[in-house]
């Protein structure tokens, strides 16, 4: 399974329909949605060969100002910890139009992760 599929599965498990979960850019019409992105870095070098890769992951949860997001934000933090064993930082990136919360965390996987 790929990291994209894993993130979508976890967010879908929280009740988000798949059509409001998107990698990199959400172009739909819903005011509540999840966008995710990640960078990959090689780690665990031996004999000039990377044995593992580190994924630096950001999951963005956006919702209209009228929505009480407190419970969903807690569910997202706890789901990330349950799935990947890392409790994320939560950064409030809200603006005048939208509530926007960013969950930052990283995981290390074998470099073959996602190629199965």
PDB file of N, CA and C in Angstrom:
ATOM      1  N   UNK A   1       0.848  -1.184   0.000  1.00  0.00           N
ATOM      2  CA  UNK A   1       0.000   0.000   0.000  1.00  0.00           C
ATOM      3  C   UNK A   1       0.887   1.238   0.000  1.00  0.00           C
ATOM      4  N   UNK A   2       0.418   2.324  -0.569  1.00  0.00           N
ATOM      5  CA  UNK A   2       1.187   3.562  -0.638  1.00  0.00           C
ATOM      6  C   UNK A   2       0.824   4.482   0.525  1.00  0.00           C
ATOM      7  N   UNK A   3       1.658   5.474   0.764  1.00  0.00           N
ATOM      8  CA  UNK A   3       1.363   6.448   1.804  1.00  0.00           C
ATOM      9  C   UNK A   3       0.087   7.214   1.464  1.00  0.00           C
ATOM     10  N   UNK A   4      -0.111   7.567   0.194  1.00  0.00           N
ATOM     11  CA  UNK A   4      -1.358   8.234  -0.201  1.00  0.00           C
ATOM     12  C   UNK A   4      -2.563   7.393   0.210  1.00  0.00           C
ATOM     13  N   UNK A   5      -2.533   6.118  -0.108  1.00  0.00           N
ATOM     14  CA  UNK A   5      -3.652   5.230   0.224  1.00  0.00           C
ATOM     15  C   UNK A   5      -3.823   5.100   1.732  1.00  0.00           C
ATOM     16  N   UNK A   6      -2.708   5.041   2.471  1.00  0.00           N
ATOM     17  CA  UNK A   6      -2.792   4.940   3.929  1.00  0.00           C
ATOM     18  C   UNK A   6      -3.430   6.191   4.527  1.00  0.00           C
ATOM     19  N   UNK A   7      -3.016   7.364   4.073  1.00  0.00           N
ATOM     20  CA  UNK A   7      -3.587   8.610   4.595  1.00  0.00           C
ATOM     21  C   UNK A   7      -5.071   8.687   4.256  1.00  0.00           C
ATOM     22  N   UNK A   8      -5.429   8.350   3.032  1.00  0.00           N
ATOM     23  CA  UNK A   8      -6.841   8.398   2.633  1.00  0.00           C
ATOM     24  C   UNK A   8      -7.677   7.420   3.465  1.00  0.00           C
ATOM     25  N   UNK A   9      -7.133   6.242   3.728  1.00  0.00           N
ATOM     26  CA  UNK A   9      -7.857   5.250   4.534  1.00  0.00           C
ATOM     27  C   UNK A   9      -8.095   5.771   5.950  1.00  0.00           C
ATOM     28  N   UNK A  10      -7.058   6.368   6.553  1.00  0.00           N
ATOM     29  CA  UNK A  10      -7.188   6.881   7.921  1.00  0.00           C
ATOM     30  C   UNK A  10      -8.201   8.026   7.979  1.00  0.00           C
ATOM     31  N   UNK A  11      -8.135   8.953   7.048  1.00  0.00           N
ATOM     32  CA  UNK A  11      -9.072  10.082   7.045  1.00  0.00           C
ATOM     33  C   UNK A  11     -10.497   9.624   6.723  1.00  0.00           C
ATOM     34  N   UNK A  12     -10.634   8.664   5.807  1.00  0.00           N
ATOM     35  CA  UNK A  12     -11.952   8.106   5.496  1.00  0.00           C
ATOM     36  C   UNK A  12     -12.545   7.437   6.744  1.00  0.00           C
ATOM     37  N   UNK A  13     -11.686   6.786   7.532  1.00  0.00           N
ATOM     38  CA  UNK A  13     -12.128   6.145   8.770  1.00  0.00           C
ATOM     39  C   UNK A  13     -12.679   7.131   9.797  1.00  0.00           C
ATOM     40  N   UNK A  14     -12.330   8.408   9.648  1.00  0.00           N
ATOM     41  CA  UNK A  14     -12.859   9.444  10.536  1.00  0.00           C
ATOM     42  C   UNK A  14     -14.171  10.031  10.019  1.00  0.00           C
ATOM     43  N   UNK A  15     -14.631   9.529   8.876  1.00  0.00           N
ATOM     44  CA  UNK A  15     -15.908   9.972   8.337  1.00  0.00           C
ATOM     45  C   UNK A  15     -15.822  10.897   7.143  1.00  0.00           C
ATOM     46  N   UNK A  16     -14.614  11.224   6.704  1.00  0.00           N
ATOM     47  CA  UNK A  16     -14.476  12.063   5.512  1.00  0.00           C
ATOM     48  C   UNK A  16     -14.730  11.215   4.267  1.00  0.00           C
ATOM     49  N   UNK A  17     -15.638  11.634   3.391  1.00  0.00           N
ATOM     50  CA  UNK A  17     -15.806  10.915   2.128  1.00  0.00           C
ATOM     51  C   UNK A  17     -14.526  11.035   1.291  1.00  0.00           C
ATOM     52  N   UNK A  18     -14.247  10.040   0.485  1.00  0.00           N
ATOM     53  CA  UNK A  18     -13.016  10.062  -0.320  1.00  0.00           C
ATOM     54  C   UNK A  18     -12.928  11.266  -1.250  1.00  0.00           C
ATOM     55  N   UNK A  19     -14.075  11.827  -1.650  1.00  0.00           N
ATOM     56  CA  UNK A  19     -14.016  12.950  -2.591  1.00  0.00           C
ATOM     57  C   UNK A  19     -13.644  14.282  -1.938  1.00  0.00           C
ATOM     58  N   UNK A  20     -13.472  14.309  -0.599  1.00  0.00           N
ATOM     59  CA  UNK A  20     -13.000  15.535   0.061  1.00  0.00           C
ATOM     60  C   UNK A  20     -11.612  15.337   0.665  1.00  0.00           C
ATOM     61  N   UNK A  21     -10.924  14.271   0.255  1.00  0.00           N
ATOM     62  CA  UNK A  21      -9.546  13.999   0.686  1.00  0.00           C
ATOM     63  C   UNK A  21      -8.687  14.034  -0.566  1.00  0.00           C
ATOM     64  N   UNK A  22      -7.673  14.895  -0.580  1.00  0.00           N
ATOM     65  CA  UNK A  22      -6.903  15.054  -1.813  1.00  0.00           C
ATOM     66  C   UNK A  22      -5.416  15.238  -1.526  1.00  0.00           C
ATOM     67  N   UNK A  23      -4.565  14.645  -2.366  1.00  0.00           N
ATOM     68  CA  UNK A  23      -3.140  14.946  -2.273  1.00  0.00           C
ATOM     69  C   UNK A  23      -2.852  16.302  -2.916  1.00  0.00           C
ATOM     70  N   UNK A  24      -2.136  17.138  -2.200  1.00  0.00           N
ATOM     71  CA  UNK A  24      -1.603  18.419  -2.691  1.00  0.00           C
ATOM     72  C   UNK A  24      -2.612  19.542  -2.883  1.00  0.00           C
ATOM     73  N   UNK A  25      -3.725  19.318  -3.567  1.00  0.00           N
ATOM     74  CA  UNK A  25      -4.636  20.409  -3.886  1.00  0.00           C
ATOM     75  C   UNK A  25      -6.063  19.890  -3.981  1.00  0.00           C
ATOM     76  N   UNK A  26      -6.966  20.513  -3.224  1.00  0.00           N
ATOM     77  CA  UNK A  26      -8.383  20.155  -3.284  1.00  0.00           C
ATOM     78  C   UNK A  26      -9.102  21.120  -4.216  1.00  0.00           C
ATOM     79  N   UNK A  27      -9.784  20.601  -5.198  1.00  0.00           N
ATOM     80  CA  UNK A  27     -10.485  21.430  -6.177  1.00  0.00           C
ATOM     81  C   UNK A  27     -12.003  21.273  -6.123  1.00  0.00           C
ATOM     82  N   UNK A  28     -12.488  20.557  -5.111  1.00  0.00           N
ATOM     83  CA  UNK A  28     -13.923  20.336  -5.009  1.00  0.00           C
ATOM     84  C   UNK A  28     -14.656  21.516  -4.397  1.00  0.00           C
ATOM     85  N   UNK A  29     -15.951  21.332  -4.197  1.00  0.00           N
ATOM     86  CA  UNK A  29     -16.782  22.422  -3.711  1.00  0.00           C
ATOM     87  C   UNK A  29     -17.113  22.384  -2.231  1.00  0.00           C
ATOM     88  N   UNK A  30     -16.708  21.328  -1.528  1.00  0.00           N
ATOM     89  CA  UNK A  30     -17.020  21.235  -0.109  1.00  0.00           C
ATOM     90  C   UNK A  30     -16.205  22.254   0.689  1.00  0.00           C
ATOM     91  N   UNK A  31     -16.807  22.789   1.741  1.00  0.00           N
ATOM     92  CA  UNK A  31     -16.095  23.739   2.609  1.00  0.00           C
ATOM     93  C   UNK A  31     -15.310  23.029   3.703  1.00  0.00           C
ATOM     94  N   UNK A  32     -15.548  21.723   3.869  1.00  0.00           N
ATOM     95  CA  UNK A  32     -14.788  20.919   4.838  1.00  0.00           C
ATOM     96  C   UNK A  32     -14.058  19.839   4.052  1.00  0.00           C
ATOM     97  N   UNK A  33     -12.736  19.819   4.155  1.00  0.00           N
ATOM     98  CA  UNK A  33     -11.942  18.887   3.361  1.00  0.00           C
ATOM     99  C   UNK A  33     -10.570  18.668   3.988  1.00  0.00           C
ATOM    100  N   UNK A  34      -9.872  17.681   3.458  1.00  0.00           N
ATOM    101  CA  UNK A  34      -8.527  17.322   3.919  1.00  0.00           C
ATOM    102  C   UNK A  34      -7.602  17.289   2.716  1.00  0.00           C
ATOM    103  N   UNK A  35      -6.455  17.927   2.855  1.00  0.00           N
ATOM    104  CA  UNK A  35      -5.404  17.894   1.837  1.00  0.00           C
ATOM    105  C   UNK A  35      -4.139  17.402   2.522  1.00  0.00           C
ATOM    106  N   UNK A  36      -3.339  16.629   1.813  1.00  0.00           N
ATOM    107  CA  UNK A  36      -2.088  16.156   2.411  1.00  0.00           C
ATOM    108  C   UNK A  36      -0.947  16.244   1.413  1.00  0.00           C
ATOM    109  N   UNK A  37       0.244  16.315   1.947  1.00  0.00           N
ATOM    110  CA  UNK A  37       1.455  16.316   1.132  1.00  0.00           C
ATOM    111  C   UNK A  37       2.590  15.777   1.992  1.00  0.00           C
ATOM    112  N   UNK A  38       3.659  15.372   1.335  1.00  0.00           N
ATOM    113  CA  UNK A  38       4.820  14.902   2.090  1.00  0.00           C
ATOM    114  C   UNK A  38       6.074  15.021   1.244  1.00  0.00           C
ATOM    115  N   UNK A  39       7.175  15.131   1.957  1.00  0.00           N
ATOM    116  CA  UNK A  39       8.498  15.098   1.350  1.00  0.00           C
ATOM    117  C   UNK A  39       9.172  13.815   1.799  1.00  0.00           C
ATOM    118  N   UNK A  40      10.084  13.316   0.988  1.00  0.00           N
ATOM    119  CA  UNK A  40      10.785  12.068   1.294  1.00  0.00           C
ATOM    120  C   UNK A  40      12.285  12.335   1.307  1.00  0.00           C
ATOM    121  N   UNK A  41      12.946  11.869   2.367  1.00  0.00           N
ATOM    122  CA  UNK A  41      14.405  12.023   2.491  1.00  0.00           C
ATOM    123  C   UNK A  41      15.033  10.669   2.791  1.00  0.00           C
ATOM    124  N   UNK A  42      16.173  10.377   2.211  1.00  0.00           N
ATOM    125  CA  UNK A  42      16.847   9.125   2.549  1.00  0.00           C
ATOM    126  C   UNK A  42      17.491   9.223   3.935  1.00  0.00           C
ATOM    127  N   UNK A  43      17.443   8.130   4.668  1.00  0.00           N
ATOM    128  CA  UNK A  43      18.078   8.045   5.991  1.00  0.00           C
ATOM    129  C   UNK A  43      18.675   6.655   6.146  1.00  0.00           C
ATOM    130  N   UNK A  44      19.323   6.412   7.262  1.00  0.00           N
ATOM    131  CA  UNK A  44      19.910   5.096   7.576  1.00  0.00           C
ATOM    132  C   UNK A  44      20.899   4.645   6.509  1.00  0.00           C
ATOM    133  N   UNK A  45      21.881   5.472   6.262  1.00  0.00           N
ATOM    134  CA  UNK A  45      22.883   5.174   5.238  1.00  0.00           C
ATOM    135  C   UNK A  45      23.854   4.094   5.707  1.00  0.00           C
ATOM    136  N   UNK A  46      24.240   3.224   4.799  1.00  0.00           N
ATOM    137  CA  UNK A  46      25.280   2.226   5.031  1.00  0.00           C
ATOM    138  C   UNK A  46      25.938   1.944   3.689  1.00  0.00           C
ATOM    139  N   UNK A  47      27.236   2.052   3.631  1.00  0.00           N
ATOM    140  CA  UNK A  47      27.978   1.838   2.385  1.00  0.00           C
ATOM    141  C   UNK A  47      27.435   2.705   1.251  1.00  0.00           C
ATOM    142  N   UNK A  48      27.142   3.957   1.580  1.00  0.00           N
ATOM    143  CA  UNK A  48      26.640   4.933   0.613  1.00  0.00           C
ATOM    144  C   UNK A  48      25.295   4.568  -0.010  1.00  0.00           C
ATOM    145  N   UNK A  49      24.524   3.749   0.687  1.00  0.00           N
ATOM    146  CA  UNK A  49      23.198   3.350   0.204  1.00  0.00           C
ATOM    147  C   UNK A  49      22.184   3.618   1.314  1.00  0.00           C
ATOM    148  N   UNK A  50      21.114   4.308   0.964  1.00  0.00           N
ATOM    149  CA  UNK A  50      20.060   4.561   1.944  1.00  0.00           C
ATOM    150  C   UNK A  50      19.282   3.281   2.202  1.00  0.00           C
ATOM    151  N   UNK A  51      19.117   2.946   3.463  1.00  0.00           N
ATOM    152  CA  UNK A  51      18.350   1.752   3.804  1.00  0.00           C
ATOM    153  C   UNK A  51      16.885   2.060   4.052  1.00  0.00           C
ATOM    154  N   UNK A  52      16.620   3.277   4.515  1.00  0.00           N
ATOM    155  CA  UNK A  52      15.264   3.696   4.838  1.00  0.00           C
ATOM    156  C   UNK A  52      15.007   5.076   4.266  1.00  0.00           C
ATOM    157  N   UNK A  53      13.744   5.473   4.298  1.00  0.00           N
ATOM    158  CA  UNK A  53      13.370   6.826   3.914  1.00  0.00           C
ATOM    159  C   UNK A  53      12.509   7.425   5.022  1.00  0.00           C
ATOM    160  N   UNK A  54      12.643   8.731   5.207  1.00  0.00           N
ATOM    161  CA  UNK A  54      11.808   9.453   6.159  1.00  0.00           C
ATOM    162  C   UNK A  54      10.786  10.263   5.381  1.00  0.00           C
ATOM    163  N   UNK A  55       9.538  10.099   5.751  1.00  0.00           N
ATOM    164  CA  UNK A  55       8.447  10.871   5.167  1.00  0.00           C
ATOM    165  C   UNK A  55       8.099  11.991   6.137  1.00  0.00           C
ATOM    166  N   UNK A  56       8.240  13.239   5.706  1.00  0.00           N
ATOM    167  CA  UNK A  56       7.798  14.390   6.476  1.00  0.00           C
ATOM    168  C   UNK A  56       6.409  14.739   5.948  1.00  0.00           C
ATOM    169  N   UNK A  57       5.396  14.518   6.772  1.00  0.00           N
ATOM    170  CA  UNK A  57       4.005  14.542   6.325  1.00  0.00           C
ATOM    171  C   UNK A  57       3.273  15.754   6.898  1.00  0.00           C
ATOM    172  N   UNK A  58       2.471  16.368   6.067  1.00  0.00           N
ATOM    173  CA  UNK A  58       1.558  17.421   6.494  1.00  0.00           C
ATOM    174  C   UNK A  58       0.155  17.046   6.035  1.00  0.00           C
ATOM    175  N   UNK A  59      -0.765  17.023   6.996  1.00  0.00           N
ATOM    176  CA  UNK A  59      -2.177  16.810   6.697  1.00  0.00           C
ATOM    177  C   UNK A  59      -2.899  18.091   7.081  1.00  0.00           C
ATOM    178  N   UNK A  60      -3.647  18.653   6.137  1.00  0.00           N
ATOM    179  CA  UNK A  60      -4.363  19.911   6.343  1.00  0.00           C
ATOM    180  C   UNK A  60      -5.860  19.618   6.470  1.00  0.00           C
ATOM    181  N   UNK A  61      -6.447  20.105   7.545  1.00  0.00           N
ATOM    182  CA  UNK A  61      -7.892  19.986   7.744  1.00  0.00           C
ATOM    183  C   UNK A  61      -8.486  21.384   7.653  1.00  0.00           C
ATOM    184  N   UNK A  62      -9.420  21.569   6.729  1.00  0.00           N
ATOM    185  CA  UNK A  62     -10.049  22.870   6.524  1.00  0.00           C
ATOM    186  C   UNK A  62     -11.556  22.742   6.748  1.00  0.00           C
ATOM    187  N   UNK A  63     -12.122  23.781   7.373  1.00  0.00           N
ATOM    188  CA  UNK A  63     -13.562  23.787   7.656  1.00  0.00           C
ATOM    189  C   UNK A  63     -14.044  25.229   7.733  1.00  0.00           C
ATOM    190  N   UNK A  64     -15.345  25.445   7.517  1.00  0.00           N
ATOM    191  CA  UNK A  64     -15.878  26.803   7.630  1.00  0.00           C
ATOM    192  C   UNK A  64     -15.829  27.278   9.088  1.00  0.00           C
ATOM    193  N   UNK A  65     -15.807  28.575   9.270  1.00  0.00           N
ATOM    194  CA  UNK A  65     -15.722  29.156  10.612  1.00  0.00           C
ATOM    195  C   UNK A  65     -16.885  28.749  11.495  1.00  0.00           C
ATOM    196  N   UNK A  66     -18.050  28.509  10.930  1.00  0.00           N
ATOM    197  CA  UNK A  66     -19.231  28.180  11.733  1.00  0.00           C
ATOM    198  C   UNK A  66     -19.139  26.803  12.386  1.00  0.00           C
ATOM    199  N   UNK A  67     -18.292  25.944  11.863  1.00  0.00           N
ATOM    200  CA  UNK A  67     -18.199  24.565  12.354  1.00  0.00           C
ATOM    201  C   UNK A  67     -17.358  24.493  13.621  1.00  0.00           C
ATOM    202  N   UNK A  68     -17.860  23.765  14.613  1.00  0.00           N
ATOM    203  CA  UNK A  68     -17.066  23.484  15.805  1.00  0.00           C
ATOM    204  C   UNK A  68     -16.130  22.330  15.462  1.00  0.00           C
ATOM    205  N   UNK A  69     -14.847  22.606  15.336  1.00  0.00           N
ATOM    206  CA  UNK A  69     -13.866  21.610  14.873  1.00  0.00           C
ATOM    207  C   UNK A  69     -13.136  20.906  16.013  1.00  0.00           C
ATOM    208  N   UNK A  70     -13.441  21.253  17.232  1.00  0.00           N
ATOM    209  CA  UNK A  70     -12.658  20.743  18.360  1.00  0.00           C
ATOM    210  C   UNK A  70     -12.583  19.212  18.368  1.00  0.00           C
ATOM    211  N   UNK A  71     -13.726  18.538  18.251  1.00  0.00           N
ATOM    212  CA  UNK A  71     -13.742  17.068  18.309  1.00  0.00           C
ATOM    213  C   UNK A  71     -12.997  16.451  17.123  1.00  0.00           C
ATOM    214  N   UNK A  72     -13.243  16.954  15.905  1.00  0.00           N
ATOM    215  CA  UNK A  72     -12.575  16.388  14.733  1.00  0.00           C
ATOM    216  C   UNK A  72     -11.074  16.580  14.821  1.00  0.00           C
ATOM    217  N   UNK A  73     -10.630  17.715  15.312  1.00  0.00           N
ATOM    218  CA  UNK A  73      -9.193  17.951  15.442  1.00  0.00           C
ATOM    219  C   UNK A  73      -8.566  16.936  16.395  1.00  0.00           C
ATOM    220  N   UNK A  74      -9.237  16.636  17.489  1.00  0.00           N
ATOM    221  CA  UNK A  74      -8.738  15.624  18.428  1.00  0.00           C
ATOM    222  C   UNK A  74      -8.736  14.240  17.778  1.00  0.00           C
ATOM    223  N   UNK A  75      -9.788  13.933  17.024  1.00  0.00           N
ATOM    224  CA  UNK A  75      -9.854  12.638  16.340  1.00  0.00           C
ATOM    225  C   UNK A  75      -8.718  12.490  15.325  1.00  0.00           C
ATOM    226  N   UNK A  76      -8.412  13.559  14.599  1.00  0.00           N
ATOM    227  CA  UNK A  76      -7.319  13.511  13.622  1.00  0.00           C
ATOM    228  C   UNK A  76      -5.988  13.274  14.333  1.00  0.00           C
ATOM    229  N   UNK A  77      -5.713  14.022  15.390  1.00  0.00           N
ATOM    230  CA  UNK A  77      -4.451  13.834  16.129  1.00  0.00           C
ATOM    231  C   UNK A  77      -4.325  12.404  16.636  1.00  0.00           C
ATOM    232  N   UNK A  78      -5.411  11.900  17.227  1.00  0.00           N
ATOM    233  CA  UNK A  78      -5.370  10.547  17.787  1.00  0.00           C
ATOM    234  C   UNK A  78      -5.264   9.477  16.710  1.00  0.00           C
ATOM    235  N   UNK A  79      -5.906   9.687  15.559  1.00  0.00           N
ATOM    236  CA  UNK A  79      -5.820   8.714  14.458  1.00  0.00           C
ATOM    237  C   UNK A  79      -4.402   8.656  13.896  1.00  0.00           C
ATOM    238  N   UNK A  80      -3.749   9.806  13.790  1.00  0.00           N
ATOM    239  CA  UNK A  80      -2.363   9.831  13.314  1.00  0.00           C
ATOM    240  C   UNK A  80      -1.476   9.058  14.276  1.00  0.00           C
ATOM    241  N   UNK A  81      -1.656   9.292  15.563  1.00  0.00           N
ATOM    242  CA  UNK A  81      -0.838   8.571  16.543  1.00  0.00           C
ATOM    243  C   UNK A  81      -1.121   7.066  16.491  1.00  0.00           C
ATOM    244  N   UNK A  82      -2.386   6.682  16.372  1.00  0.00           N
ATOM    245  CA  UNK A  82      -2.737   5.257  16.336  1.00  0.00           C
ATOM    246  C   UNK A  82      -2.168   4.565  15.098  1.00  0.00           C
ATOM    247  N   UNK A  83      -2.188   5.249  13.950  1.00  0.00           N
ATOM    248  CA  UNK A  83      -1.725   4.636  12.698  1.00  0.00           C
ATOM    249  C   UNK A  83      -0.214   4.620  12.568  1.00  0.00           C
ATOM    250  N   UNK A  84       0.440   5.721  12.925  1.00  0.00           N
ATOM    251  CA  UNK A  84       1.871   5.856  12.649  1.00  0.00           C
ATOM    252  C   UNK A  84       2.738   5.953  13.896  1.00  0.00           C
ATOM    253  N   UNK A  85       2.129   5.942  15.078  1.00  0.00           N
ATOM    254  CA  UNK A  85       2.907   5.971  16.313  1.00  0.00           C
ATOM    255  C   UNK A  85       3.565   7.308  16.606  1.00  0.00           C
ATOM    256  N   UNK A  86       3.118   8.342  15.948  1.00  0.00           N
ATOM    257  CA  UNK A  86       3.661   9.694  16.145  1.00  0.00           C
ATOM    258  C   UNK A  86       2.510  10.636  16.457  1.00  0.00           C
ATOM    259  N   UNK A  87       2.612  11.372  17.566  1.00  0.00           N
ATOM    260  CA  UNK A  87       1.598  12.376  17.869  1.00  0.00           C
ATOM    261  C   UNK A  87       1.999  13.651  17.147  1.00  0.00           C
ATOM    262  N   UNK A  88       1.145  14.178  16.271  1.00  0.00           N
ATOM    263  CA  UNK A  88       1.545  15.298  15.414  1.00  0.00           C
ATOM    264  C   UNK A  88       1.509  16.643  16.126  1.00  0.00           C
ATOM    265  N   UNK A  89       2.294  17.576  15.614  1.00  0.00           N
ATOM    266  CA  UNK A  89       2.108  18.973  15.960  1.00  0.00           C
ATOM    267  C   UNK A  89       0.846  19.439  15.248  1.00  0.00           C
ATOM    268  N   UNK A  90       0.085  20.306  15.891  1.00  0.00           N
ATOM    269  CA  UNK A  90      -1.072  20.912  15.239  1.00  0.00           C
ATOM    270  C   UNK A  90      -0.818  22.414  15.162  1.00  0.00           C
ATOM    271  N   UNK A  91      -0.806  22.946  13.953  1.00  0.00           N
ATOM    272  CA  UNK A  91      -0.551  24.360  13.720  1.00  0.00           C
ATOM    273  C   UNK A  91      -1.820  25.000  13.175  1.00  0.00           C
ATOM    274  N   UNK A  92      -2.241  26.099  13.788  1.00  0.00           N
ATOM    275  CA  UNK A  92      -3.412  26.828  13.325  1.00  0.00           C
ATOM    276  C   UNK A  92      -2.978  27.780  12.218  1.00  0.00           C
ATOM    277  N   UNK A  93      -3.397  27.492  10.995  1.00  0.00           N
ATOM    278  CA  UNK A  93      -3.062  28.325   9.833  1.00  0.00           C
ATOM    279  C   UNK A  93      -4.322  28.988   9.276  1.00  0.00           C
ATOM    280  N   UNK A  94      -5.307  29.199  10.138  1.00  0.00           N
ATOM    281  CA  UNK A  94      -6.583  29.777   9.708  1.00  0.00           C
ATOM    282  C   UNK A  94      -6.394  31.183   9.156  1.00  0.00           C
ATOM    283  N   UNK A  95      -7.309  31.539   8.259  1.00  0.00           N
ATOM    284  CA  UNK A  95      -7.317  32.899   7.728  1.00  0.00           C
ATOM    285  C   UNK A  95      -8.728  33.467   7.902  1.00  0.00           C
ATOM    286  N   UNK A  96      -9.017  34.565   7.283  1.00  0.00           N
ATOM    287  CA  UNK A  96     -10.313  35.209   7.435  1.00  0.00           C
ATOM    288  C   UNK A  96     -11.475  34.436   6.851  1.00  0.00           C
ATOM    289  N   UNK A  97     -11.202  33.494   5.972  1.00  0.00           N
ATOM    290  CA  UNK A  97     -12.259  32.753   5.291  1.00  0.00           C
ATOM    291  C   UNK A  97     -12.496  31.357   5.849  1.00  0.00           C
ATOM    292  N   UNK A  98     -11.448  30.700   6.326  1.00  0.00           N
ATOM    293  CA  UNK A  98     -11.508  29.272   6.625  1.00  0.00           C
ATOM    294  C   UNK A  98     -10.702  28.917   7.864  1.00  0.00           C
ATOM    295  N   UNK A  99     -11.231  27.961   8.646  1.00  0.00           N
ATOM    296  CA  UNK A  99     -10.396  27.345   9.671  1.00  0.00           C
ATOM    297  C   UNK A  99      -9.450  26.390   8.940  1.00  0.00           C
ATOM    298  N   UNK A 100      -8.188  26.405   9.311  1.00  0.00           N
ATOM    299  CA  UNK A 100      -7.190  25.592   8.624  1.00  0.00           C
ATOM    300  C   UNK A 100      -6.190  25.119   9.670  1.00  0.00           C
ATOM    301  N   UNK A 101      -6.127  23.808   9.855  1.00  0.00           N
ATOM    302  CA  UNK A 101      -5.216  23.212  10.828  1.00  0.00           C
ATOM    303  C   UNK A 101      -4.266  22.270  10.100  1.00  0.00           C
ATOM    304  N   UNK A 102      -2.992  22.376  10.432  1.00  0.00           N
ATOM    305  CA  UNK A 102      -1.962  21.581   9.782  1.00  0.00           C
ATOM    306  C   UNK A 102      -1.376  20.628  10.814  1.00  0.00           C
ATOM    307  N   UNK A 103      -1.315  19.346  10.466  1.00  0.00           N
ATOM    308  CA  UNK A 103      -0.756  18.307  11.332  1.00  0.00           C
ATOM    309  C   UNK A 103       0.567  17.868  10.738  1.00  0.00           C
ATOM    310  N   UNK A 104       1.655  18.127  11.457  1.00  0.00           N
ATOM    311  CA  UNK A 104       3.009  17.802  11.005  1.00  0.00           C
ATOM    312  C   UNK A 104       3.549  16.617  11.788  1.00  0.00           C
ATOM    313  N   UNK A 105       4.101  15.651  11.077  1.00  0.00           N
ATOM    314  CA  UNK A 105       4.783  14.530  11.731  1.00  0.00           C
ATOM    315  C   UNK A 105       5.654  13.837  10.705  1.00  0.00           C
ATOM    316  N   UNK A 106       6.513  12.964  11.171  1.00  0.00           N
ATOM    317  CA  UNK A 106       7.358  12.209  10.240  1.00  0.00           C
ATOM    318  C   UNK A 106       7.395  10.747  10.657  1.00  0.00           C
ATOM    319  N   UNK A 107       7.594   9.909   9.666  1.00  0.00           N
ATOM    320  CA  UNK A 107       7.728   8.463   9.889  1.00  0.00           C
ATOM    321  C   UNK A 107       8.903   7.961   9.064  1.00  0.00           C
ATOM    322  N   UNK A 108       9.521   6.892   9.524  1.00  0.00           N
ATOM    323  CA  UNK A 108      10.611   6.257   8.785  1.00  0.00           C
ATOM    324  C   UNK A 108      10.128   4.878   8.339  1.00  0.00           C
ATOM    325  N   UNK A 109      10.332   4.604   7.070  1.00  0.00           N
ATOM    326  CA  UNK A 109       9.945   3.318   6.483  1.00  0.00           C
ATOM    327  C   UNK A 109      11.096   2.770   5.654  1.00  0.00           C
ATOM    328  N   UNK A 110      11.072   1.471   5.426  1.00  0.00           N
ATOM    329  CA  UNK A 110      12.019   0.852   4.502  1.00  0.00           C
ATOM    330  C   UNK A 110      11.854   1.519   3.140  1.00  0.00           C
ATOM    331  N   UNK A 111      12.954   1.683   2.418  1.00  0.00           N
ATOM    332  CA  UNK A 111      12.880   2.405   1.147  1.00  0.00           C
ATOM    333  C   UNK A 111      12.007   1.724   0.105  1.00  0.00           C
ATOM    334  N   UNK A 112      11.621   0.482   0.333  1.00  0.00           N
ATOM    335  CA  UNK A 112      10.727  -0.202  -0.603  1.00  0.00           C
ATOM    336  C   UNK A 112       9.256   0.042  -0.278  1.00  0.00           C
ATOM    337  N   UNK A 113       8.957   0.783   0.799  1.00  0.00           N
ATOM    338  CA  UNK A 113       7.566   1.066   1.186  1.00  0.00           C
ATOM    339  C   UNK A 113       6.821   1.710   0.012  1.00  0.00           C
ATOM    340  N   UNK A 114       5.663   1.181  -0.267  1.00  0.00           N
ATOM    341  CA  UNK A 114       4.840   1.713  -1.339  1.00  0.00           C
ATOM    342  C   UNK A 114       5.098   1.081  -2.694  1.00  0.00           C
ATOM    343  N   UNK A 115       6.094   0.214  -2.784  1.00  0.00           N
ATOM    344  CA  UNK A 115       6.401  -0.388  -4.075  1.00  0.00           C
ATOM    345  C   UNK A 115       5.792  -1.797  -4.201  1.00  0.00           C
ATOM    346  N   UNK A 116       5.142  -2.254  -3.140  1.00  0.00           N
ATOM    347  CA  UNK A 116       4.572  -3.607  -3.172  1.00  0.00           C
ATOM    348  C   UNK A 116       3.450  -3.668  -4.173  1.00  0.00           C
TER     349      UNK A 116
END
